[in-house]
Amino acid sequence: MSNISDAHVKVHFRMEVDEDGWPPATVESLWAVDLRDGTVRLDNTPWFVRGVASDDIVKVEVDDEGLWWVGETVRASGNCTIRLIVLRDGGSRAARQTVLETFHRLGTTGEGIEQFRMVALDVPPTADLPRIRKLLEHGEAQGWWHWEEGCVTAAWTASASD
C-alpha cells in the first residue's frame, strides 16, 4: 500500500460467512483513493473479500452514517489476490516475513497478519506467474502453507498450464 493521504478513504465490503465460519467477519474495510466521481481505486490487498484486487476501480455509495460501501467493479487492475495461511513454524512472524520476501523476488507485494497466520499477496500482471504458481503448489505439498485464489485473471489461469 502507498502512504495514506487526504485522498484516502476507508471503503467497506459486505461478505457472507460460510458454514465453516469463514471469513471471520461480515465486513472488510480497505484503504482506497477517492477519484471524486463516485469511484475509488483500491489501495491495499484484501484479506477476505473475493473478486477484487489492489488498484481495481470500484463504485462506492456513502450511507447515512458516512460509511463508504463498495458496489461493482468498474475497471479491474489486472492484479491477482492470493492468500496463504502459513503453517511453517506455526505461522510465526519470521515465517510470514520469509514468505513475503520469497514471493517479492518473483514480483509480488503483500503483507502478513498474525491473527490468522496469513499472508495476502498482490500479484501484478508483470510478476512471474508460472513460477509463483509452482512455488505455491510446492509449498502446499511440503506443508508450508495452504493457499487460495481471492481474485485471479485469465493470465493467472493460463499460467496453470505453463
Protein backbone atom coordinates (compact mmCIF):
# COMPACT_ATOMS: atom_id res chain seq x y z
CA MET A 1 0.00 0.00 0.00
CA SER A 2 1.15 3.52 -0.68
CA ASN A 3 1.30 6.19 2.01
CA ILE A 4 -2.06 7.36 3.36
CA SER A 5 -3.03 10.82 2.10
CA ASP A 6 -6.01 13.13 2.34
CA ALA A 7 -7.40 11.47 -0.79
CA HIS A 8 -7.60 8.12 1.04
CA VAL A 9 -10.86 6.81 2.42
CA LYS A 10 -11.87 3.57 4.12
CA VAL A 11 -14.27 1.59 1.97
CA HIS A 12 -16.34 -1.34 3.21
CA PHE A 13 -17.27 -4.65 1.63
CA ARG A 14 -20.14 -6.82 2.82
CA MET A 15 -19.23 -10.51 2.97
CA GLU A 16 -21.16 -13.70 3.53
CA VAL A 17 -19.80 -16.11 6.13
CA ASP A 18 -19.89 -19.76 5.03
CA GLU A 19 -20.98 -22.78 7.07
CA ASP A 20 -17.43 -23.14 8.40
CA GLY A 21 -17.45 -19.59 9.77
CA TRP A 22 -15.16 -18.21 7.07
CA PRO A 23 -14.41 -15.44 6.53
CA PRO A 24 -14.31 -14.46 10.20
CA ALA A 25 -16.24 -11.21 9.62
CA THR A 26 -19.23 -9.92 7.66
CA VAL A 27 -17.48 -6.67 6.65
CA GLU A 28 -13.94 -5.96 5.47
CA SER A 29 -12.56 -2.43 5.18
CA LEU A 30 -9.81 -1.43 2.75
CA TRP A 31 -7.99 1.80 2.03
CA ALA A 32 -8.82 3.40 -1.29
CA VAL A 33 -8.11 6.61 -3.15
CA ASP A 34 -11.22 8.72 -3.80
CA LEU A 35 -11.38 9.50 -7.51
CA ARG A 36 -14.15 12.04 -6.80
CA ASP A 37 -16.54 10.64 -9.40
CA GLY A 38 -18.38 8.03 -7.33
CA THR A 39 -15.49 5.59 -7.68
CA VAL A 40 -12.33 4.73 -5.76
CA ARG A 41 -9.07 2.91 -6.55
CA LEU A 42 -8.40 0.16 -4.02
CA ASP A 43 -5.06 0.79 -2.35
CA ASN A 44 -4.38 -2.34 -0.36
CA THR A 45 -4.68 -6.08 -0.74
CA PRO A 46 -7.89 -7.67 0.57
CA TRP A 47 -7.63 -10.26 3.32
CA PHE A 48 -11.02 -11.86 2.81
CA VAL A 49 -13.06 -10.16 0.06
CA ARG A 50 -13.25 -12.20 -3.10
CA GLY A 51 -13.20 -10.90 -6.65
CA VAL A 52 -11.20 -7.68 -6.14
CA ALA A 53 -7.54 -6.77 -6.10
CA SER A 54 -5.37 -3.77 -5.34
CA ASP A 55 -5.71 -0.97 -7.92
CA ASP A 56 -9.18 -2.08 -9.07
CA ILE A 57 -11.58 0.83 -9.64
CA VAL A 58 -14.92 0.24 -7.89
CA LYS A 59 -18.14 2.19 -7.47
CA VAL A 60 -18.99 3.43 -3.97
CA GLU A 61 -22.01 4.79 -2.17
CA VAL A 62 -21.90 6.71 1.09
CA ASP A 63 -24.59 5.76 3.60
CA ASP A 64 -26.41 7.99 6.11
CA GLU A 65 -23.66 7.36 8.68
CA GLY A 66 -20.90 8.44 6.28
CA LEU A 67 -19.60 4.91 5.60
CA TRP A 68 -18.37 4.20 2.08
CA TRP A 69 -19.80 0.92 0.71
CA VAL A 70 -18.37 -0.77 -2.37
CA GLY A 71 -20.52 -1.71 -5.33
CA GLU A 72 -19.48 -3.16 -8.65
CA THR A 73 -16.03 -3.15 -10.20
CA VAL A 74 -15.71 -0.53 -12.93
CA ARG A 75 -12.20 -1.47 -14.09
CA ALA A 76 -10.14 -4.43 -12.99
CA SER A 77 -6.46 -3.66 -12.50
CA GLY A 78 -5.15 -6.94 -13.85
CA ASN A 79 -3.70 -7.74 -10.42
CA CYS A 80 -4.42 -11.00 -8.63
CA THR A 81 -5.02 -11.52 -4.93
CA ILE A 82 -3.55 -14.73 -3.49
CA ARG A 83 -3.85 -15.59 0.20
CA LEU A 84 -1.81 -18.05 2.23
CA ILE A 85 -2.24 -19.45 5.70
CA VAL A 86 1.34 -20.07 6.80
CA LEU A 87 1.83 -23.41 8.57
CA ARG A 88 5.61 -23.49 8.78
CA ASP A 89 6.85 -22.56 12.28
CA GLY A 90 3.25 -22.10 13.40
CA GLY A 91 2.84 -19.12 11.08
CA SER A 92 5.33 -17.10 13.13
CA ARG A 93 6.24 -13.54 12.22
CA ALA A 94 9.55 -14.78 10.82
CA ALA A 95 7.81 -17.45 8.73
CA ARG A 96 5.33 -14.92 7.32
CA GLN A 97 8.16 -12.48 6.55
CA THR A 98 10.12 -15.21 4.75
CA VAL A 99 7.05 -15.98 2.62
CA LEU A 100 6.64 -12.29 1.75
CA GLU A 101 10.33 -11.93 0.84
CA THR A 102 10.34 -15.11 -1.23
CA PHE A 103 7.33 -14.06 -3.31
CA HIS A 104 8.59 -10.48 -3.53
CA ARG A 105 11.56 -11.80 -5.53
CA LEU A 106 9.01 -13.06 -8.08
CA GLY A 107 7.38 -9.64 -8.44
CA THR A 108 4.68 -9.54 -5.77
CA THR A 109 3.95 -7.26 -2.85
CA GLY A 110 1.87 -8.09 0.20
CA GLU A 111 1.54 -8.11 3.93
CA GLY A 112 1.07 -10.53 6.80
CA ILE A 113 -1.37 -10.66 9.68
CA GLU A 114 -0.61 -12.53 12.89
CA GLN A 115 -4.16 -13.30 14.00
CA PHE A 116 -4.83 -15.77 11.19
CA ARG A 117 -1.19 -16.63 10.33
CA MET A 118 -1.97 -15.18 6.91
CA VAL A 119 -0.14 -13.52 4.08
CA ALA A 120 -2.06 -11.66 1.37
CA LEU A 121 -0.17 -11.26 -1.90
CA ASP A 122 -0.81 -8.66 -4.55
CA VAL A 123 0.32 -10.21 -7.83
CA PRO A 124 0.63 -7.73 -10.71
CA PRO A 125 0.42 -8.95 -14.32
CA THR A 126 4.17 -8.29 -14.69
CA ALA A 127 5.08 -10.85 -12.00
CA ASP A 128 6.39 -14.29 -12.89
CA LEU A 129 3.00 -16.02 -12.76
CA PRO A 130 4.12 -19.57 -13.67
CA ARG A 131 6.92 -19.53 -11.05
CA ILE A 132 4.59 -18.07 -8.41
CA ARG A 133 2.01 -20.79 -9.07
CA LYS A 134 4.68 -23.53 -8.98
CA LEU A 135 6.02 -22.19 -5.69
CA LEU A 136 2.52 -22.01 -4.20
CA GLU A 137 1.85 -25.63 -5.19
CA HIS A 138 5.28 -26.80 -3.98
CA GLY A 139 4.88 -25.06 -0.61
CA GLU A 140 1.45 -26.57 -0.10
CA ALA A 141 2.78 -30.05 -0.98
CA GLN A 142 5.61 -29.51 1.56
CA GLY A 143 3.12 -28.47 4.26
CA TRP A 144 4.47 -24.91 4.45
CA TRP A 145 1.10 -23.26 3.76
CA HIS A 146 -2.42 -23.55 2.41
CA TRP A 147 -3.32 -21.06 -0.31
CA GLU A 148 -6.36 -19.76 -2.15
CA GLU A 149 -7.18 -17.51 -5.06
CA GLY A 150 -9.01 -14.41 -3.89
CA CYS A 151 -9.10 -12.72 -7.30
CA VAL A 152 -7.46 -14.04 -10.45
CA THR A 153 -7.10 -13.07 -14.09
CA ALA A 154 -7.13 -15.04 -17.34
CA ALA A 155 -3.31 -14.76 -17.39
CA TRP A 156 -3.15 -16.37 -13.93
CA THR A 157 -5.47 -19.18 -15.02
CA ALA A 158 -3.39 -19.73 -18.16
CA SER A 159 -0.22 -19.97 -16.04
CA ALA A 160 -1.52 -23.28 -14.66
CA SER A 161 -0.67 -24.94 -17.96
CA ASP A 162 2.77 -23.36 -18.36
